[in-house]
Amino acid sequence: MKQLMKVVATTMVMAMAAGVVYAKESKSMKEGEELFKQHCASCHPDGGNIVNPKKTLKGADLKANKVKGEKDIVKLMRHPGPGMQSFDAKAIPDRQAKMIAAYVLKEFK
C-alpha cells in the first residue's frame, strides 16, 4: 500500500509539473503570435510572403530554403535577404525573436 501511495504521489507531482510547463509554453506561444502580428504579419500574412512567394513561412518552403529551426529564423530576422526588413536585437530582443521563431515553426508547419 505504501508503494502504491508513492507511485500515486509521484505521478501527481509529475502531472502538475507538466501542467506548469504546458502553461508556460502556451503563454509563450501566445506572446509569439502577438509579436508575429506586430512585426511580421504585414509581409507574411498567414505564413505567406508578399515579396517572394517562394520563401513563405510554410514548413515545405522553410525546408527547401534550408531553414531548419529557431536559430535559422532568428538569423534571417537579423540578416535577411533582399526585400525583407532587418530586425536587430534593439528592434526585437533575442527572447522575443525566439518566441516569434517558435510560433512560426509551430503555426505554419
Protein backbone atom coordinates (compact mmCIF):
# COMPACT_ATOMS: atom_id res chain seq x y z
CA MET A 1 0.00 0.00 0.00
CA LYS A 2 2.89 2.37 0.87
CA GLN A 3 4.48 1.68 -2.51
CA LEU A 4 1.20 2.44 -4.27
CA MET A 5 0.91 5.77 -2.40
CA LYS A 6 4.44 6.70 -3.50
CA VAL A 7 3.60 5.90 -7.12
CA VAL A 8 0.38 7.92 -6.94
CA ALA A 9 2.15 10.87 -5.28
CA THR A 10 4.99 10.80 -7.81
CA THR A 11 2.52 10.63 -10.70
CA MET A 12 0.57 13.60 -9.33
CA VAL A 13 3.74 15.71 -8.92
CA MET A 14 4.82 14.87 -12.47
CA ALA A 15 1.37 15.74 -13.84
CA MET A 16 1.38 19.10 -12.04
CA ALA A 17 4.87 19.87 -13.33
CA ALA A 18 3.79 19.01 -16.87
CA GLY A 19 0.81 21.33 -16.46
CA VAL A 20 3.09 24.19 -15.42
CA VAL A 21 5.38 23.57 -18.41
CA TYR A 22 2.38 23.44 -20.77
CA ALA A 23 1.00 26.68 -19.35
CA LYS A 24 4.36 28.43 -19.84
CA GLU A 25 4.66 27.12 -23.40
CA SER A 26 1.11 28.19 -24.14
CA LYS A 27 1.76 31.70 -22.79
CA SER A 28 4.99 31.89 -24.79
CA MET A 29 3.19 30.80 -27.98
CA LYS A 30 0.51 33.42 -27.43
CA GLU A 31 3.17 36.10 -26.94
CA GLY A 32 4.99 34.81 -30.04
CA GLU A 33 1.77 35.11 -32.01
CA GLU A 34 1.23 38.70 -30.85
CA LEU A 35 4.83 39.62 -31.70
CA PHE A 36 4.46 37.96 -35.11
CA LYS A 37 1.33 40.01 -35.78
CA GLN A 38 3.11 43.17 -34.71
CA HIS A 39 6.35 42.72 -36.65
CA CYS A 40 5.86 40.12 -39.38
CA ALA A 41 2.26 39.60 -40.46
CA SER A 42 2.09 42.57 -42.82
CA CYS A 43 4.64 40.91 -45.14
CA HIS A 44 3.91 37.30 -44.10
CA PRO A 45 0.09 37.10 -43.92
CA ASP A 46 -0.98 33.56 -42.99
CA GLY A 47 2.66 32.50 -43.28
CA GLY A 48 2.93 33.64 -46.88
CA ASN A 49 5.39 36.12 -48.35
CA ILE A 50 4.22 39.17 -50.31
CA VAL A 51 7.75 39.91 -51.57
CA ASN A 52 8.90 36.43 -52.61
CA PRO A 53 6.18 33.75 -52.84
CA LYS A 54 8.87 31.02 -52.95
CA LYS A 55 10.05 31.96 -49.47
CA THR A 56 6.96 31.55 -47.33
CA LEU A 57 6.99 30.50 -43.69
CA LYS A 58 5.30 27.21 -44.53
CA GLY A 59 7.20 24.11 -43.48
CA ALA A 60 7.95 22.86 -47.00
CA ASP A 61 9.32 26.23 -48.09
CA LEU A 62 11.36 26.65 -44.92
CA LYS A 63 12.88 23.23 -45.52
CA ALA A 64 13.54 23.99 -49.21
CA ASN A 65 15.31 27.20 -48.15
CA LYS A 66 17.37 25.34 -45.52
CA VAL A 67 15.62 26.97 -42.57
CA LYS A 68 15.59 24.15 -40.01
CA GLY A 69 14.88 25.71 -36.64
CA GLU A 70 14.52 28.72 -34.40
CA LYS A 71 18.17 29.76 -34.79
CA ASP A 72 17.81 29.89 -38.57
CA ILE A 73 14.68 32.04 -38.34
CA VAL A 74 16.28 34.45 -35.86
CA LYS A 75 19.35 34.64 -38.11
CA LEU A 76 17.12 35.60 -41.05
CA MET A 77 15.38 38.21 -38.93
CA ARG A 78 18.77 39.73 -38.11
CA HIS A 79 20.33 39.36 -41.58
CA PRO A 80 17.57 38.87 -44.16
CA GLY A 81 17.86 38.56 -47.89
CA PRO A 82 16.76 41.15 -50.43
CA GLY A 83 13.33 42.65 -49.84
CA MET A 84 12.99 41.82 -46.15
CA GLN A 85 13.34 44.34 -43.37
CA SER A 86 16.13 43.67 -40.89
CA PHE A 87 15.23 43.35 -37.20
CA ASP A 88 18.23 43.84 -34.94
CA ALA A 89 18.25 42.96 -31.24
CA LYS A 90 17.23 46.52 -30.39
CA ALA A 91 14.07 46.26 -32.52
CA ILE A 92 13.24 42.71 -31.40
CA PRO A 93 15.21 41.40 -28.41
CA ASP A 94 16.56 37.85 -28.65
CA ARG A 95 13.96 36.44 -26.24
CA GLN A 96 11.13 37.85 -28.36
CA ALA A 97 12.78 36.81 -31.63
CA LYS A 98 12.92 33.23 -30.32
CA MET A 99 9.23 33.40 -29.40
CA ILE A 100 8.38 34.55 -32.93
CA ALA A 101 10.51 31.75 -34.39
CA ALA A 102 8.85 29.12 -32.18
CA TYR A 103 5.43 30.43 -33.17
CA VAL A 104 6.32 30.31 -36.89
CA LEU A 105 7.59 26.73 -36.64
CA LYS A 106 4.50 25.55 -34.81
CA GLU A 107 1.85 27.58 -36.63
CA PHE A 108 2.95 27.17 -40.24
CA LYS A 109 4.40 23.63 -40.22
